[in-house]
Amino acid sequence: MLIPVRCWSCGKVLAHLYKKYADRTTSGEDPQEVLDDLKLQRYCCRRMFVGHIDLIDDIAPFSLPRDM
């Protein structure tokens, strides 16, 4: 799904950093170095990025239109 706005454990705002992380890791950079560069030091915040699986493209075709 979508990346959470805040870390579930400590509450740090993270969502604005995910696009940079995803772009840099898909271009071949080491995820550890990218997270260090983005200044994500806590392991709880790092796990939000490393463990994230983007499923929005898989789920979106199954959403139903809402009639108002």
PDB file of N, CA and C in Angstrom:
ATOM      1  N   MET A   1       0.843  -1.173   0.000  1.00  0.00           N
ATOM      2  CA  MET A   1       0.000   0.000   0.000  1.00  0.00           C
ATOM      3  C   MET A   1       0.892   1.242   0.000  1.00  0.00           C
ATOM      4  N   LEU A   2       0.397   2.295   0.546  1.00  0.00           N
ATOM      5  CA  LEU A   2       1.161   3.529   0.606  1.00  0.00           C
ATOM      6  C   LEU A   2       2.041   3.543   1.849  1.00  0.00           C
ATOM      7  N   ILE A   3       3.149   4.244   1.764  1.00  0.00           N
ATOM      8  CA  ILE A   3       4.035   4.365   2.918  1.00  0.00           C
ATOM      9  C   ILE A   3       3.326   5.199   3.986  1.00  0.00           C
ATOM     10  N   PRO A   4       3.375   4.782   5.245  1.00  0.00           N
ATOM     11  CA  PRO A   4       2.743   5.581   6.308  1.00  0.00           C
ATOM     12  C   PRO A   4       3.398   6.952   6.437  1.00  0.00           C
ATOM     13  N   VAL A   5       2.627   7.924   6.854  1.00  0.00           N
ATOM     14  CA  VAL A   5       3.147   9.282   6.996  1.00  0.00           C
ATOM     15  C   VAL A   5       4.169   9.338   8.124  1.00  0.00           C
ATOM     16  N   ARG A   6       3.890   8.642   9.217  1.00  0.00           N
ATOM     17  CA  ARG A   6       4.782   8.635  10.369  1.00  0.00           C
ATOM     18  C   ARG A   6       5.228   7.219  10.699  1.00  0.00           C
ATOM     19  N   CYS A   7       6.372   7.135  11.370  1.00  0.00           N
ATOM     20  CA  CYS A   7       6.864   5.852  11.867  1.00  0.00           C
ATOM     21  C   CYS A   7       5.897   5.346  12.931  1.00  0.00           C
ATOM     22  N   TRP A   8       5.591   4.054  12.896  1.00  0.00           N
ATOM     23  CA  TRP A   8       4.636   3.487  13.839  1.00  0.00           C
ATOM     24  C   TRP A   8       5.166   3.502  15.263  1.00  0.00           C
ATOM     25  N   SER A   9       6.474   3.426  15.455  1.00  0.00           N
ATOM     26  CA  SER A   9       7.039   3.335  16.797  1.00  0.00           C
ATOM     27  C   SER A   9       7.352   4.688  17.418  1.00  0.00           C
ATOM     28  N   CYS A  10       8.106   5.515  16.697  1.00  0.00           N
ATOM     29  CA  CYS A  10       8.575   6.769  17.302  1.00  0.00           C
ATOM     30  C   CYS A  10       7.800   7.992  16.847  1.00  0.00           C
ATOM     31  N   GLY A  11       7.062   7.907  15.750  1.00  0.00           N
ATOM     32  CA  GLY A  11       6.257   9.026  15.297  1.00  0.00           C
ATOM     33  C   GLY A  11       6.960  10.016  14.383  1.00  0.00           C
ATOM     34  N   LYS A  12       8.183   9.736  13.972  1.00  0.00           N
ATOM     35  CA  LYS A  12       8.909  10.638  13.072  1.00  0.00           C
ATOM     36  C   LYS A  12       8.230  10.660  11.702  1.00  0.00           C
ATOM     37  N   VAL A  13       8.139  11.843  11.095  1.00  0.00           N
ATOM     38  CA  VAL A  13       7.536  11.989   9.775  1.00  0.00           C
ATOM     39  C   VAL A  13       8.490  11.403   8.729  1.00  0.00           C
ATOM     40  N   LEU A  14       7.976  10.459   7.909  1.00  0.00           N
ATOM     41  CA  LEU A  14       8.821   9.725   6.965  1.00  0.00           C
ATOM     42  C   LEU A  14       8.372   9.795   5.517  1.00  0.00           C
ATOM     43  N   ALA A  15       7.113  10.036   5.270  1.00  0.00           N
ATOM     44  CA  ALA A  15       6.543   9.851   3.932  1.00  0.00           C
ATOM     45  C   ALA A  15       7.242  10.689   2.868  1.00  0.00           C
ATOM     46  N   HIS A  16       7.730  11.860   3.210  1.00  0.00           N
ATOM     47  CA  HIS A  16       8.362  12.724   2.213  1.00  0.00           C
ATOM     48  C   HIS A  16       9.718  12.186   1.752  1.00  0.00           C
ATOM     49  N   LEU A  17      10.288  11.230   2.464  1.00  0.00           N
ATOM     50  CA  LEU A  17      11.593  10.680   2.107  1.00  0.00           C
ATOM     51  C   LEU A  17      11.514   9.419   1.253  1.00  0.00           C
ATOM     52  N   TYR A  18      10.340   8.800   1.174  1.00  0.00           N
ATOM     53  CA  TYR A  18      10.258   7.489   0.519  1.00  0.00           C
ATOM     54  C   TYR A  18      10.545   7.561  -0.984  1.00  0.00           C
ATOM     55  N   LYS A  19      10.093   8.581  -1.657  1.00  0.00           N
ATOM     56  CA  LYS A  19      10.329   8.688  -3.112  1.00  0.00           C
ATOM     57  C   LYS A  19      11.828   8.770  -3.406  1.00  0.00           C
ATOM     58  N   LYS A  20      12.544   9.548  -2.603  1.00  0.00           N
ATOM     59  CA  LYS A  20      13.997   9.655  -2.788  1.00  0.00           C
ATOM     60  C   LYS A  20      14.655   8.293  -2.555  1.00  0.00           C
ATOM     61  N   TYR A  21      14.224   7.611  -1.509  1.00  0.00           N
ATOM     62  CA  TYR A  21      14.773   6.290  -1.200  1.00  0.00           C
ATOM     63  C   TYR A  21      14.501   5.308  -2.338  1.00  0.00           C
ATOM     64  N   ALA A  22      13.265   5.262  -2.809  1.00  0.00           N
ATOM     65  CA  ALA A  22      12.898   4.325  -3.867  1.00  0.00           C
ATOM     66  C   ALA A  22      13.654   4.611  -5.165  1.00  0.00           C
ATOM     67  N   ASP A  23      13.769   5.876  -5.516  1.00  0.00           N
ATOM     68  CA  ASP A  23      14.478   6.234  -6.755  1.00  0.00           C
ATOM     69  C   ASP A  23      15.948   5.836  -6.689  1.00  0.00           C
ATOM     70  N   ARG A  24      16.576   6.111  -5.562  1.00  0.00           N
ATOM     71  CA  ARG A  24      18.004   5.834  -5.439  1.00  0.00           C
ATOM     72  C   ARG A  24      18.299   4.342  -5.347  1.00  0.00           C
ATOM     73  N   THR A  25      17.437   3.591  -4.666  1.00  0.00           N
ATOM     74  CA  THR A  25      17.697   2.149  -4.561  1.00  0.00           C
ATOM     75  C   THR A  25      17.410   1.427  -5.870  1.00  0.00           C
ATOM     76  N   THR A  26      16.418   1.882  -6.634  1.00  0.00           N
ATOM     77  CA  THR A  26      16.168   1.244  -7.935  1.00  0.00           C
ATOM     78  C   THR A  26      17.257   1.586  -8.945  1.00  0.00           C
ATOM     79  N   SER A  27      17.967   2.692  -8.723  1.00  0.00           N
ATOM     80  CA  SER A  27      19.068   3.020  -9.622  1.00  0.00           C
ATOM     81  C   SER A  27      20.340   2.252  -9.273  1.00  0.00           C
ATOM     82  N   GLY A  28      20.308   1.487  -8.168  1.00  0.00           N
ATOM     83  CA  GLY A  28      21.438   0.626  -7.873  1.00  0.00           C
ATOM     84  C   GLY A  28      22.232   0.983  -6.631  1.00  0.00           C
ATOM     85  N   GLU A  29      21.870   2.021  -5.928  1.00  0.00           N
ATOM     86  CA  GLU A  29      22.610   2.392  -4.724  1.00  0.00           C
ATOM     87  C   GLU A  29      22.299   1.426  -3.583  1.00  0.00           C
ATOM     88  N   ASP A  30      23.221   1.332  -2.658  1.00  0.00           N
ATOM     89  CA  ASP A  30      23.061   0.471  -1.491  1.00  0.00           C
ATOM     90  C   ASP A  30      22.021   1.077  -0.544  1.00  0.00           C
ATOM     91  N   PRO A  31      20.999   0.298  -0.159  1.00  0.00           N
ATOM     92  CA  PRO A  31      19.957   0.836   0.725  1.00  0.00           C
ATOM     93  C   PRO A  31      20.493   1.384   2.047  1.00  0.00           C
ATOM     94  N   GLN A  32      21.522   0.763   2.606  1.00  0.00           N
ATOM     95  CA  GLN A  32      22.093   1.245   3.861  1.00  0.00           C
ATOM     96  C   GLN A  32      22.679   2.639   3.701  1.00  0.00           C
ATOM     97  N   GLU A  33      23.386   2.870   2.616  1.00  0.00           N
ATOM     98  CA  GLU A  33      23.981   4.184   2.380  1.00  0.00           C
ATOM     99  C   GLU A  33      22.911   5.233   2.113  1.00  0.00           C
ATOM    100  N   VAL A  34      21.856   4.862   1.414  1.00  0.00           N
ATOM    101  CA  VAL A  34      20.767   5.801   1.134  1.00  0.00           C
ATOM    102  C   VAL A  34      20.071   6.203   2.434  1.00  0.00           C
ATOM    103  N   LEU A  35      19.792   5.234   3.304  1.00  0.00           N
ATOM    104  CA  LEU A  35      19.147   5.544   4.577  1.00  0.00           C
ATOM    105  C   LEU A  35      20.039   6.406   5.455  1.00  0.00           C
ATOM    106  N   ASP A  36      21.348   6.151   5.442  1.00  0.00           N
ATOM    107  CA  ASP A  36      22.276   7.002   6.192  1.00  0.00           C
ATOM    108  C   ASP A  36      22.276   8.420   5.644  1.00  0.00           C
ATOM    109  N   ASP A  37      22.253   8.549   4.324  1.00  0.00           N
ATOM    110  CA  ASP A  37      22.254   9.867   3.689  1.00  0.00           C
ATOM    111  C   ASP A  37      20.960  10.633   3.966  1.00  0.00           C
ATOM    112  N   LEU A  38      19.846   9.907   4.084  1.00  0.00           N
ATOM    113  CA  LEU A  38      18.563  10.545   4.392  1.00  0.00           C
ATOM    114  C   LEU A  38      18.415  10.832   5.886  1.00  0.00           C
ATOM    115  N   LYS A  39      19.440  10.508   6.667  1.00  0.00           N
ATOM    116  CA  LYS A  39      19.499  10.754   8.108  1.00  0.00           C
ATOM    117  C   LYS A  39      18.435   9.974   8.881  1.00  0.00           C
ATOM    118  N   LEU A  40      18.203   8.736   8.465  1.00  0.00           N
ATOM    119  CA  LEU A  40      17.323   7.842   9.209  1.00  0.00           C
ATOM    120  C   LEU A  40      18.208   6.947  10.062  1.00  0.00           C
ATOM    121  N   GLN A  41      18.352   7.280  11.331  1.00  0.00           N
ATOM    122  CA  GLN A  41      19.261   6.569  12.217  1.00  0.00           C
ATOM    123  C   GLN A  41      18.571   5.480  13.027  1.00  0.00           C
ATOM    124  N   ARG A  42      17.321   5.701  13.410  1.00  0.00           N
ATOM    125  CA  ARG A  42      16.619   4.728  14.250  1.00  0.00           C
ATOM    126  C   ARG A  42      16.223   3.504  13.434  1.00  0.00           C
ATOM    127  N   TYR A  43      16.363   2.339  14.036  1.00  0.00           N
ATOM    128  CA  TYR A  43      16.027   1.108  13.310  1.00  0.00           C
ATOM    129  C   TYR A  43      14.537   1.001  13.047  1.00  0.00           C
ATOM    130  N   CYS A  44      13.703   1.626  13.893  1.00  0.00           N
ATOM    131  CA  CYS A  44      12.260   1.560  13.650  1.00  0.00           C
ATOM    132  C   CYS A  44      11.884   2.327  12.381  1.00  0.00           C
ATOM    133  N   CYS A  45      12.541   3.445  12.128  1.00  0.00           N
ATOM    134  CA  CYS A  45      12.277   4.228  10.917  1.00  0.00           C
ATOM    135  C   CYS A  45      12.849   3.525   9.682  1.00  0.00           C
ATOM    136  N   ARG A  46      14.003   2.922   9.837  1.00  0.00           N
ATOM    137  CA  ARG A  46      14.629   2.226   8.720  1.00  0.00           C
ATOM    138  C   ARG A  46      13.796   1.035   8.272  1.00  0.00           C
ATOM    139  N   ARG A  47      13.187   0.332   9.229  1.00  0.00           N
ATOM    140  CA  ARG A  47      12.383  -0.840   8.880  1.00  0.00           C
ATOM    141  C   ARG A  47      11.137  -0.452   8.094  1.00  0.00           C
ATOM    142  N   MET A  48      10.648   0.797   8.287  1.00  0.00           N
ATOM    143  CA  MET A  48       9.482   1.255   7.542  1.00  0.00           C
ATOM    144  C   MET A  48       9.798   1.300   6.041  1.00  0.00           C
ATOM    145  N   PHE A  49      11.019   1.623   5.699  1.00  0.00           N
ATOM    146  CA  PHE A  49      11.419   1.720   4.291  1.00  0.00           C
ATOM    147  C   PHE A  49      11.847   0.362   3.740  1.00  0.00           C
ATOM    148  N   VAL A  50      12.658  -0.358   4.501  1.00  0.00           N
ATOM    149  CA  VAL A  50      13.203  -1.622   4.024  1.00  0.00           C
ATOM    150  C   VAL A  50      12.106  -2.677   3.893  1.00  0.00           C
ATOM    151  N   GLY A  51      11.143  -2.671   4.798  1.00  0.00           N
ATOM    152  CA  GLY A  51      10.100  -3.679   4.787  1.00  0.00           C
ATOM    153  C   GLY A  51       8.869  -3.318   3.986  1.00  0.00           C
ATOM    154  N   HIS A  52       8.864  -2.153   3.345  1.00  0.00           N
ATOM    155  CA  HIS A  52       7.685  -1.699   2.614  1.00  0.00           C
ATOM    156  C   HIS A  52       7.559  -2.405   1.261  1.00  0.00           C
ATOM    157  N   ILE A  53       6.349  -2.871   0.956  1.00  0.00           N
ATOM    158  CA  ILE A  53       6.053  -3.477  -0.342  1.00  0.00           C
ATOM    159  C   ILE A  53       4.957  -2.636  -0.986  1.00  0.00           C
ATOM    160  N   ASP A  54       5.227  -2.089  -2.155  1.00  0.00           N
ATOM    161  CA  ASP A  54       4.280  -1.201  -2.821  1.00  0.00           C
ATOM    162  C   ASP A  54       3.249  -2.022  -3.588  1.00  0.00           C
ATOM    163  N   LEU A  55       2.030  -2.084  -3.074  1.00  0.00           N
ATOM    164  CA  LEU A  55       0.973  -2.883  -3.675  1.00  0.00           C
ATOM    165  C   LEU A  55      -0.149  -2.051  -4.283  1.00  0.00           C
ATOM    166  N   ILE A  56      -0.043  -0.745  -4.296  1.00  0.00           N
ATOM    167  CA  ILE A  56      -1.151   0.100  -4.737  1.00  0.00           C
ATOM    168  C   ILE A  56      -1.527  -0.180  -6.187  1.00  0.00           C
ATOM    169  N   ASP A  57      -0.562  -0.476  -7.046  1.00  0.00           N
ATOM    170  CA  ASP A  57      -0.869  -0.764  -8.450  1.00  0.00           C
ATOM    171  C   ASP A  57      -1.591  -2.103  -8.611  1.00  0.00           C
ATOM    172  N   ASP A  58      -1.347  -3.027  -7.699  1.00  0.00           N
ATOM    173  CA  ASP A  58      -2.026  -4.329  -7.756  1.00  0.00           C
ATOM    174  C   ASP A  58      -3.452  -4.250  -7.221  1.00  0.00           C
ATOM    175  N   ILE A  59      -3.697  -3.384  -6.263  1.00  0.00           N
ATOM    176  CA  ILE A  59      -5.003  -3.299  -5.607  1.00  0.00           C
ATOM    177  C   ILE A  59      -5.942  -2.323  -6.310  1.00  0.00           C
ATOM    178  N   ALA A  60      -5.413  -1.304  -6.932  1.00  0.00           N
ATOM    179  CA  ALA A  60      -6.241  -0.257  -7.543  1.00  0.00           C
ATOM    180  C   ALA A  60      -7.254  -0.770  -8.556  1.00  0.00           C
ATOM    181  N   PRO A  61      -6.969  -1.747  -9.401  1.00  0.00           N
ATOM    182  CA  PRO A  61      -7.984  -2.212 -10.356  1.00  0.00           C
ATOM    183  C   PRO A  61      -9.220  -2.840  -9.689  1.00  0.00           C
ATOM    184  N   PHE A  62      -9.105  -3.266  -8.456  1.00  0.00           N
ATOM    185  CA  PHE A  62     -10.206  -3.909  -7.769  1.00  0.00           C
ATOM    186  C   PHE A  62     -11.073  -2.943  -6.965  1.00  0.00           C
ATOM    187  N   SER A  63     -10.712  -1.672  -6.930  1.00  0.00           N
ATOM    188  CA  SER A  63     -11.504  -0.712  -6.168  1.00  0.00           C
ATOM    189  C   SER A  63     -12.801  -0.422  -6.925  1.00  0.00           C
ATOM    190  N   LEU A  64     -13.860  -0.247  -6.195  1.00  0.00           N
ATOM    191  CA  LEU A  64     -15.179  -0.004  -6.772  1.00  0.00           C
ATOM    192  C   LEU A  64     -15.458   1.487  -6.837  1.00  0.00           C
ATOM    193  N   PRO A  65     -16.108   1.940  -7.901  1.00  0.00           N
ATOM    194  CA  PRO A  65     -16.498   3.355  -7.948  1.00  0.00           C
ATOM    195  C   PRO A  65     -17.582   3.614  -6.901  1.00  0.00           C
ATOM    196  N   ARG A  66     -17.492   4.749  -6.261  1.00  0.00           N
ATOM    197  CA  ARG A  66     -18.449   5.087  -5.215  1.00  0.00           C
ATOM    198  C   ARG A  66     -19.528   5.987  -5.773  1.00  0.00           C
ATOM    199  N   ASP A  67     -20.771   5.576  -5.598  1.00  0.00           N
ATOM    200  CA  ASP A  67     -21.911   6.380  -6.043  1.00  0.00           C
ATOM    201  C   ASP A  67     -22.336   7.283  -4.896  1.00  0.00           C
ATOM    202  N   MET A  68     -22.493   8.522  -5.176  1.00  0.00           N
ATOM    203  CA  MET A  68     -22.922   9.456  -4.134  1.00  0.00           C
ATOM    204  C   MET A  68     -24.376   9.765  -4.279  1.00  0.00           C
TER     205      MET A  68
END
